[in-house]
N, C-alpha and C. Protein backbone atom coordinates (compact mmCIF):
# COMPACT_ATOMS: atom_id res chain seq x y z
N MET A 1 176.45 71.72 77.60
CA MET A 1 175.27 72.17 77.00
C MET A 1 174.05 71.59 77.71
N LEU A 2 172.99 72.37 77.71
CA LEU A 2 171.79 71.94 78.37
C LEU A 2 171.00 71.00 77.47
N TYR A 3 170.48 70.08 78.10
CA TYR A 3 169.70 69.12 77.38
C TYR A 3 168.25 69.58 77.40
N ARG A 4 167.66 69.67 76.25
CA ARG A 4 166.29 70.11 76.17
C ARG A 4 165.43 68.90 75.83
N ARG A 5 164.34 68.77 76.57
CA ARG A 5 163.45 67.65 76.36
C ARG A 5 162.29 68.02 75.48
N PHE A 6 161.87 67.13 74.67
CA PHE A 6 160.68 67.31 73.84
C PHE A 6 159.68 66.27 74.26
N GLY A 7 158.38 66.58 74.07
CA GLY A 7 157.34 65.62 74.44
C GLY A 7 156.72 66.00 75.76
N ARG A 8 156.52 65.02 76.58
CA ARG A 8 155.86 65.27 77.86
C ARG A 8 156.76 66.08 78.77
N PRO A 9 156.11 67.02 79.53
CA PRO A 9 156.95 67.82 80.44
C PRO A 9 157.40 66.98 81.62
N GLY A 10 158.42 67.43 82.23
CA GLY A 10 158.92 66.73 83.40
C GLY A 10 158.05 67.03 84.61
N LEU A 11 158.44 66.47 85.70
CA LEU A 11 157.68 66.60 86.92
C LEU A 11 157.60 68.04 87.38
N LEU A 12 158.66 68.77 87.28
CA LEU A 12 158.68 70.16 87.70
C LEU A 12 157.78 71.02 86.81
N GLY A 13 157.84 70.79 85.50
CA GLY A 13 157.00 71.54 84.57
C GLY A 13 155.51 71.24 84.80
N LEU A 14 155.22 69.98 85.04
CA LEU A 14 153.84 69.59 85.30
C LEU A 14 153.32 70.25 86.57
N ALA A 15 154.08 70.29 87.61
CA ALA A 15 153.67 70.91 88.87
C ALA A 15 153.49 72.41 88.69
N ALA A 16 154.36 73.03 87.92
CA ALA A 16 154.25 74.48 87.70
C ALA A 16 152.99 74.80 86.90
N ARG A 17 152.74 74.01 85.86
CA ARG A 17 151.55 74.26 85.05
C ARG A 17 150.30 74.07 85.89
N THR A 18 150.24 73.06 86.71
CA THR A 18 149.08 72.79 87.57
C THR A 18 148.88 73.95 88.54
N ALA A 19 149.95 74.49 89.08
CA ALA A 19 149.85 75.60 90.03
C ALA A 19 149.31 76.84 89.34
N VAL A 20 149.74 77.08 88.11
CA VAL A 20 149.26 78.26 87.37
C VAL A 20 147.76 78.13 87.09
N VAL A 21 147.36 76.95 86.62
CA VAL A 21 145.94 76.74 86.30
C VAL A 21 145.10 76.86 87.57
N ALA A 22 145.52 76.24 88.67
CA ALA A 22 144.76 76.29 89.91
C ALA A 22 144.71 77.71 90.46
N GLY A 23 145.79 78.42 90.38
CA GLY A 23 145.82 79.81 90.88
C GLY A 23 144.90 80.71 90.07
N THR A 24 144.93 80.52 88.75
CA THR A 24 144.08 81.33 87.88
C THR A 24 142.61 81.03 88.17
N ALA A 25 142.29 79.75 88.31
CA ALA A 25 140.91 79.38 88.60
C ALA A 25 140.46 79.96 89.94
N SER A 26 141.31 79.91 90.92
CA SER A 26 140.97 80.44 92.23
C SER A 26 140.78 81.96 92.18
N ALA A 27 141.65 82.63 91.46
CA ALA A 27 141.54 84.09 91.35
C ALA A 27 140.27 84.50 90.62
N VAL A 28 139.95 83.81 89.53
CA VAL A 28 138.75 84.13 88.76
C VAL A 28 137.49 83.83 89.59
N GLY A 29 137.48 82.67 90.27
CA GLY A 29 136.33 82.31 91.10
C GLY A 29 136.12 83.31 92.23
N GLY A 30 137.20 83.72 92.87
CA GLY A 30 137.08 84.70 93.96
C GLY A 30 136.59 86.05 93.45
N ALA A 31 137.10 86.45 92.28
CA ALA A 31 136.67 87.74 91.71
C ALA A 31 135.19 87.70 91.36
N MET A 32 134.74 86.59 90.80
CA MET A 32 133.32 86.46 90.45
C MET A 32 132.45 86.47 91.70
N ARG A 33 132.89 85.76 92.74
CA ARG A 33 132.13 85.71 93.98
C ARG A 33 132.04 87.11 94.59
N ASN A 34 133.14 87.85 94.60
CA ASN A 34 133.14 89.20 95.15
C ASN A 34 132.22 90.13 94.34
N ARG A 35 132.25 89.99 93.03
CA ARG A 35 131.41 90.84 92.16
C ARG A 35 129.94 90.54 92.41
N GLN A 36 129.60 89.26 92.52
CA GLN A 36 128.20 88.90 92.77
C GLN A 36 127.75 89.39 94.14
N GLN A 37 128.62 89.33 95.12
CA GLN A 37 128.28 89.81 96.46
C GLN A 37 128.05 91.31 96.46
N ARG A 38 128.89 92.06 95.75
CA ARG A 38 128.70 93.51 95.67
C ARG A 38 127.39 93.86 94.97
N ALA A 39 127.09 93.13 93.89
CA ALA A 39 125.84 93.39 93.17
C ALA A 39 124.63 93.10 94.05
N ALA A 40 124.69 92.02 94.84
CA ALA A 40 123.58 91.69 95.74
C ALA A 40 123.44 92.76 96.82
N ASP A 41 124.56 93.23 97.35
CA ASP A 41 124.51 94.28 98.37
C ASP A 41 123.92 95.57 97.80
N GLU A 42 124.29 95.91 96.56
CA GLU A 42 123.76 97.12 95.93
C GLU A 42 122.25 96.99 95.71
N ARG A 43 121.80 95.82 95.28
CA ARG A 43 120.36 95.61 95.08
C ARG A 43 119.60 95.73 96.40
N ALA A 44 120.16 95.13 97.45
CA ALA A 44 119.51 95.19 98.76
C ALA A 44 119.46 96.63 99.27
N SER A 45 120.53 97.36 99.06
CA SER A 45 120.58 98.76 99.48
C SER A 45 119.56 99.59 98.70
N ALA A 46 119.47 99.36 97.39
CA ALA A 46 118.51 100.10 96.56
C ALA A 46 117.08 99.76 96.96
N ASP A 47 116.81 98.49 97.24
CA ASP A 47 115.46 98.10 97.67
C ASP A 47 115.10 98.74 99.01
N ALA A 48 116.06 98.79 99.93
CA ALA A 48 115.81 99.41 101.23
C ALA A 48 115.54 100.90 101.06
N TRP A 49 116.30 101.55 100.19
CA TRP A 49 116.09 102.99 99.95
C TRP A 49 114.72 103.23 99.33
N ASP A 50 114.34 102.39 98.36
CA ASP A 50 113.02 102.53 97.73
C ASP A 50 111.91 102.35 98.76
N ALA A 51 112.10 101.40 99.68
CA ALA A 51 111.08 101.16 100.69
C ALA A 51 110.94 102.36 101.62
N GLU A 52 112.06 103.03 101.91
CA GLU A 52 112.01 104.21 102.77
C GLU A 52 111.36 105.39 102.05
N GLN A 53 111.59 105.49 100.75
CA GLN A 53 111.11 106.65 100.00
C GLN A 53 109.64 106.56 99.63
N THR A 54 109.14 105.36 99.46
CA THR A 54 107.75 105.23 99.05
C THR A 54 106.86 105.20 100.27
N VAL A 55 105.85 106.02 100.24
CA VAL A 55 104.87 106.07 101.32
C VAL A 55 103.65 105.31 100.82
N PRO A 56 103.19 104.35 101.57
CA PRO A 56 102.03 103.62 101.09
C PRO A 56 100.84 104.57 100.94
N MET A 57 100.23 104.51 99.79
CA MET A 57 99.10 105.40 99.51
C MET A 57 97.83 104.77 100.08
N ALA A 58 97.01 105.60 100.67
CA ALA A 58 95.74 105.13 101.19
C ALA A 58 94.81 104.91 100.00
N PRO A 59 93.99 103.91 100.08
CA PRO A 59 93.05 103.69 98.97
C PRO A 59 92.12 104.89 98.86
N PRO A 60 91.73 105.23 97.63
CA PRO A 60 90.86 106.39 97.48
C PRO A 60 89.52 106.16 98.19
N ALA A 61 89.02 107.22 98.76
CA ALA A 61 87.75 107.12 99.47
C ALA A 61 86.64 106.84 98.47
N PRO A 62 85.78 105.92 98.81
CA PRO A 62 84.69 105.62 97.87
C PRO A 62 83.78 106.84 97.73
N ALA A 63 83.32 107.05 96.52
CA ALA A 63 82.41 108.17 96.28
C ALA A 63 81.12 107.92 97.05
N GLN A 64 80.70 108.96 97.74
CA GLN A 64 79.50 108.80 98.53
C GLN A 64 78.28 108.94 97.63
N ALA A 65 77.42 108.00 97.74
CA ALA A 65 76.18 108.03 96.97
C ALA A 65 75.24 109.03 97.63
N PRO A 66 74.44 109.70 96.84
CA PRO A 66 73.50 110.63 97.47
C PRO A 66 72.56 109.86 98.38
N PRO A 67 72.16 110.49 99.47
CA PRO A 67 71.28 109.77 100.40
C PRO A 67 69.98 109.39 99.71
N ALA A 68 69.50 108.25 100.06
CA ALA A 68 68.26 107.75 99.48
C ALA A 68 67.10 108.61 99.99
N PRO A 69 66.14 108.87 99.12
CA PRO A 69 65.00 109.67 99.60
C PRO A 69 64.27 108.91 100.69
N PRO A 70 63.74 109.64 101.64
CA PRO A 70 63.04 108.94 102.73
C PRO A 70 61.86 108.17 102.19
N VAL A 71 61.71 107.00 102.70
CA VAL A 71 60.64 106.13 102.26
C VAL A 71 59.37 106.50 103.03
N ALA A 72 58.32 106.74 102.29
CA ALA A 72 57.05 107.07 102.94
C ALA A 72 56.55 105.82 103.65
N PRO A 73 56.11 105.99 104.86
CA PRO A 73 55.62 104.80 105.57
C PRO A 73 54.40 104.25 104.86
N ALA A 74 54.36 102.95 104.80
CA ALA A 74 53.23 102.29 104.15
C ALA A 74 51.98 102.57 104.96
N PRO A 75 50.88 102.80 104.28
CA PRO A 75 49.66 103.06 105.05
C PRO A 75 49.33 101.83 105.88
N ALA A 76 49.02 102.10 107.11
CA ALA A 76 48.72 101.00 108.02
C ALA A 76 47.42 100.34 107.58
N GLU A 77 47.40 99.02 107.71
CA GLU A 77 46.17 98.33 107.37
C GLU A 77 45.09 98.77 108.33
N PRO A 78 43.95 99.03 107.79
CA PRO A 78 42.89 99.48 108.69
C PRO A 78 42.55 98.37 109.69
N ASP A 79 42.30 98.80 110.86
CA ASP A 79 41.94 97.88 111.93
C ASP A 79 40.57 97.26 111.62
N LEU A 80 40.43 96.00 111.90
CA LEU A 80 39.18 95.29 111.60
C LEU A 80 37.99 95.93 112.32
N MET A 81 38.22 96.29 113.55
CA MET A 81 37.12 96.91 114.32
C MET A 81 36.73 98.26 113.74
N THR A 82 37.72 99.03 113.30
CA THR A 82 37.43 100.34 112.72
C THR A 82 36.61 100.18 111.44
N GLU A 83 37.00 99.22 110.63
CA GLU A 83 36.28 98.99 109.37
C GLU A 83 34.85 98.50 109.63
N LEU A 84 34.68 97.64 110.61
CA LEU A 84 33.34 97.16 110.93
C LEU A 84 32.45 98.31 111.43
N GLU A 85 33.07 99.19 112.25
CA GLU A 85 32.31 100.35 112.73
C GLU A 85 31.90 101.26 111.58
N ARG A 86 32.80 101.44 110.62
CA ARG A 86 32.51 102.28 109.45
C ARG A 86 31.36 101.67 108.63
N LEU A 87 31.45 100.33 108.46
CA LEU A 87 30.35 99.66 107.73
C LEU A 87 29.01 99.82 108.47
N GLY A 88 29.06 99.71 109.79
CA GLY A 88 27.85 99.89 110.60
C GLY A 88 27.27 101.28 110.43
N GLN A 89 28.14 102.30 110.41
CA GLN A 89 27.66 103.67 110.22
C GLN A 89 27.02 103.84 108.84
N LEU A 90 27.66 103.24 107.81
CA LEU A 90 27.10 103.34 106.46
C LEU A 90 25.71 102.67 106.40
N LYS A 91 25.54 101.58 107.14
CA LYS A 91 24.24 100.87 107.16
C LYS A 91 23.20 101.72 107.89
N GLN A 92 23.61 102.35 109.01
CA GLN A 92 22.69 103.18 109.77
C GLN A 92 22.25 104.40 108.95
N GLN A 93 23.17 104.92 108.13
CA GLN A 93 22.84 106.08 107.31
C GLN A 93 21.96 105.69 106.13
N GLY A 94 21.82 104.37 105.91
CA GLY A 94 20.98 103.90 104.82
C GLY A 94 21.73 103.80 103.50
N LEU A 95 23.02 103.91 103.55
CA LEU A 95 23.81 103.81 102.31
C LEU A 95 24.06 102.35 101.93
N LEU A 96 23.95 101.43 102.90
CA LEU A 96 24.13 100.00 102.63
C LEU A 96 22.87 99.25 103.03
N SER A 97 22.49 98.31 102.20
CA SER A 97 21.36 97.43 102.55
C SER A 97 21.87 96.33 103.48
N ASP A 98 20.93 95.55 104.04
CA ASP A 98 21.33 94.45 104.92
C ASP A 98 22.20 93.43 104.17
N ASP A 99 21.88 93.14 102.93
CA ASP A 99 22.66 92.17 102.15
C ASP A 99 24.07 92.71 101.84
N GLU A 100 24.13 93.99 101.47
CA GLU A 100 25.46 94.60 101.17
C GLU A 100 26.31 94.64 102.43
N PHE A 101 25.71 94.99 103.55
CA PHE A 101 26.44 95.03 104.82
C PHE A 101 26.98 93.66 105.17
N ALA A 102 26.16 92.62 105.03
CA ALA A 102 26.59 91.25 105.36
C ALA A 102 27.72 90.80 104.45
N ALA A 103 27.65 91.15 103.15
CA ALA A 103 28.71 90.75 102.21
C ALA A 103 30.02 91.47 102.53
N ALA A 104 29.96 92.78 102.80
CA ALA A 104 31.16 93.55 103.12
C ALA A 104 31.77 93.07 104.43
N LYS A 105 30.91 92.77 105.41
CA LYS A 105 31.42 92.27 106.70
C LYS A 105 32.11 90.92 106.51
N GLN A 106 31.51 90.08 105.67
CA GLN A 106 32.11 88.76 105.42
C GLN A 106 33.48 88.90 104.74
N ARG A 107 33.59 89.84 103.79
CA ARG A 107 34.89 90.08 103.11
C ARG A 107 35.94 90.54 104.10
N LEU A 108 35.58 91.43 105.01
CA LEU A 108 36.55 91.93 106.01
C LEU A 108 37.00 90.81 106.94
N ILE A 109 36.06 90.02 107.39
CA ILE A 109 36.41 88.97 108.34
C ILE A 109 37.25 87.87 107.68
N SER A 110 36.92 87.52 106.43
CA SER A 110 37.68 86.46 105.77
C SER A 110 39.03 86.97 105.28
N GLY A 111 39.17 88.25 105.13
CA GLY A 111 40.32 88.95 104.86
C GLY A 111 41.34 88.87 103.93
């Protein structure tokens, strides 16, 4: 009759159990690694396809503002000599007295 042991397993049983656990762990780890690699490859492939399909859009052209109305040139400051000549003519015509002429001339010169 065969003798059956109770309690701790023998050396052969212990080695067999260790081999089963190690093999299972290796198989599960390899399967997980393969699954993660496939998922990463699929994501990379999808990203590459998206990059090929999307055309970068040009920014919208800014709305053109209506052209500004032309600026009228500022009236040129009258030339000092021209103004003095005008004052002289007004004095000769008798429209300005000597005192008014002197005051206007002084204002132009001091400017």
